[in-house]
C-alpha atoms as a PDB file:
ATOM      1  CA  UNK A   1     109.727  96.043 113.804  1.00  0.00           C
ATOM      2  CA  UNK A   2     107.907  93.010 112.462  1.00  0.00           C
ATOM      3  CA  UNK A   3     105.852  94.537 109.680  1.00  0.00           C
ATOM      4  CA  UNK A   4     103.832  91.349 109.250  1.00  0.00           C
ATOM      5  CA  UNK A   5     102.610  91.679 112.845  1.00  0.00           C
ATOM      6  CA  UNK A   6     101.117  95.128 112.257  1.00  0.00           C
ATOM      7  CA  UNK A   7      97.342  95.259 112.055  1.00  0.00           C
ATOM      8  CA  UNK A   8      95.743  96.567 108.856  1.00  0.00           C
ATOM      9  CA  UNK A   9      95.691 100.166 110.105  1.00  0.00           C
ATOM     10  CA  UNK A  10      99.314 100.029 111.247  1.00  0.00           C
ATOM     11  CA  UNK A  11     100.435  98.558 107.950  1.00  0.00           C
ATOM     12  CA  UNK A  12      98.487 101.226 106.038  1.00  0.00           C
ATOM     13  CA  UNK A  13     100.196 103.948 108.114  1.00  0.00           C
ATOM     14  CA  UNK A  14     103.608 102.413 107.400  1.00  0.00           C
ATOM     15  CA  UNK A  15     102.883 102.260 103.653  1.00  0.00           C
ATOM     16  CA  UNK A  16     101.654 105.877 103.704  1.00  0.00           C
ATOM     17  CA  UNK A  17     104.761 107.075 105.548  1.00  0.00           C
ATOM     18  CA  UNK A  18     107.007 105.316 103.030  1.00  0.00           C
ATOM     19  CA  UNK A  19     105.049 106.815 100.149  1.00  0.00           C
ATOM     20  CA  UNK A  20     105.158 110.324 101.695  1.00  0.00           C
ATOM     21  CA  UNK A  21     108.936 110.031 102.104  1.00  0.00           C
ATOM     22  CA  UNK A  22     109.419 108.722  98.591  1.00  0.00           C
ATOM     23  CA  UNK A  23     110.700 105.393  99.897  1.00  0.00           C
ATOM     24  CA  UNK A  24     110.096 101.959  98.450  1.00  0.00           C
ATOM     25  CA  UNK A  25     110.474  98.533  99.997  1.00  0.00           C
ATOM     26  CA  UNK A  26     112.003  96.271  97.343  1.00  0.00           C
ATOM     27  CA  UNK A  27     112.279  93.198  99.591  1.00  0.00           C
ATOM     28  CA  UNK A  28     111.223  91.844 102.954  1.00  0.00           C
ATOM     29  CA  UNK A  29     112.751  88.980 104.896  1.00  0.00           C
ATOM     30  CA  UNK A  30     112.233  86.976 108.020  1.00  0.00           C
ATOM     31  CA  UNK A  31     114.339  84.500 109.920  1.00  0.00           C
ATOM     32  CA  UNK A  32     114.191  82.395 113.065  1.00  0.00           C
ATOM     33  CA  UNK A  33     110.589  81.517 112.109  1.00  0.00           C
ATOM     34  CA  UNK A  34     111.207  78.209 110.363  1.00  0.00           C
ATOM     35  CA  UNK A  35     108.190  76.434 108.923  1.00  0.00           C
ATOM     36  CA  UNK A  36     109.980  73.125 109.525  1.00  0.00           C
ATOM     37  CA  UNK A  37     110.234  73.693 113.289  1.00  0.00           C
ATOM     38  CA  UNK A  38     108.677  70.595 114.911  1.00  0.00           C
ATOM     39  CA  UNK A  39     106.978  72.591 117.672  1.00  0.00           C
ATOM     40  CA  UNK A  40     106.264  76.060 116.264  1.00  0.00           C
ATOM     41  CA  UNK A  41     105.977  75.143 112.563  1.00  0.00           C
ATOM     42  CA  UNK A  42     102.250  75.840 112.197  1.00  0.00           C
ATOM     43  CA  UNK A  43     102.530  79.250 113.904  1.00  0.00           C
ATOM     44  CA  UNK A  44     105.571  80.089 111.822  1.00  0.00           C
ATOM     45  CA  UNK A  45     103.765  79.095 108.630  1.00  0.00           C
ATOM     46  CA  UNK A  46     100.911  81.451 109.515  1.00  0.00           C
ATOM     47  CA  UNK A  47     103.468  84.209 110.142  1.00  0.00           C
ATOM     48  CA  UNK A  48     105.143  83.501 106.776  1.00  0.00           C
ATOM     49  CA  UNK A  49     101.771  83.911 105.066  1.00  0.00           C
ATOM     50  CA  UNK A  50     101.392  87.281 106.799  1.00  0.00           C
ATOM     51  CA  UNK A  51     104.874  88.227 105.535  1.00  0.00           C
ATOM     52  CA  UNK A  52     103.777  87.429 101.972  1.00  0.00           C
ATOM     53  CA  UNK A  53     100.624  89.514 102.396  1.00  0.00           C
ATOM     54  CA  UNK A  54     102.669  92.346 103.869  1.00  0.00           C
ATOM     55  CA  UNK A  55     105.136  92.191 100.968  1.00  0.00           C
ATOM     56  CA  UNK A  56     102.245  92.535  98.529  1.00  0.00           C
ATOM     57  CA  UNK A  57     100.882  95.563 100.420  1.00  0.00           C
ATOM     58  CA  UNK A  58     104.335  97.166 100.388  1.00  0.00           C
ATOM     59  CA  UNK A  59     104.938  96.423  96.730  1.00  0.00           C
ATOM     60  CA  UNK A  60     107.991  94.344  97.613  1.00  0.00           C
ATOM     61  CA  UNK A  61     108.998  92.086  94.753  1.00  0.00           C
ATOM     62  CA  UNK A  62     111.122  89.728  96.819  1.00  0.00           C
ATOM     63  CA  UNK A  63     110.530  87.773 100.019  1.00  0.00           C
ATOM     64  CA  UNK A  64     113.246  85.835 101.838  1.00  0.00           C
ATOM     65  CA  UNK A  65     112.583  83.162 104.449  1.00  0.00           C
ATOM     66  CA  UNK A  66     115.219  81.763 106.792  1.00  0.00           C
ATOM     67  CA  UNK A  67     114.911  78.165 107.928  1.00  0.00           C
ATOM     68  CA  UNK A  68     116.959  78.794 111.068  1.00  0.00           C
ATOM     69  CA  UNK A  69     115.913  77.636 114.504  1.00  0.00           C
ATOM     70  CA  UNK A  70     115.916  79.848 117.577  1.00  0.00           C
ATOM     71  CA  UNK A  71     119.181  81.172 118.960  1.00  0.00           C
ATOM     72  CA  UNK A  72     120.764  79.169 121.776  1.00  0.00           C
ATOM     73  CA  UNK A  73     121.368  80.783 125.168  1.00  0.00           C
ATOM     74  CA  UNK A  74     125.069  81.148 124.312  1.00  0.00           C
ATOM     75  CA  UNK A  75     124.220  82.778 120.978  1.00  0.00           C
ATOM     76  CA  UNK A  76     121.834  85.234 122.662  1.00  0.00           C
ATOM     77  CA  UNK A  77     124.529  86.171 125.190  1.00  0.00           C
ATOM     78  CA  UNK A  78     127.273  86.648 122.591  1.00  0.00           C
ATOM     79  CA  UNK A  79     128.000  90.004 120.983  1.00  0.00           C
ATOM     80  CA  UNK A  80     128.040  88.251 117.582  1.00  0.00           C
ATOM     81  CA  UNK A  81     125.695  85.245 117.711  1.00  0.00           C
ATOM     82  CA  UNK A  82     127.465  83.456 114.850  1.00  0.00           C
ATOM     83  CA  UNK A  83     130.624  83.110 116.934  1.00  0.00           C
ATOM     84  CA  UNK A  84     128.847  80.526 119.098  1.00  0.00           C
ATOM     85  CA  UNK A  85     128.003  76.996 117.954  1.00  0.00           C
ATOM     86  CA  UNK A  86     124.453  76.276 116.943  1.00  0.00           C
END
């Protein structure tokens, strides 16, 4: 689930469920959405801003961003993507 892609109502429901269950979200991360991507960089930057906003709503004190590009076809087909070059 990409929490940053939830609309305001969906995010509020998620926060309420966590609260009701006594759960906290100390950190949130994203990868394969690199802001330095030459084609998708602007879209990825907008997504990263949504991740930051989402982290604030969740009370997460840490946000991690991966600067990785998309998986190659071989990586997508592999059981463990990191066993393939790329």
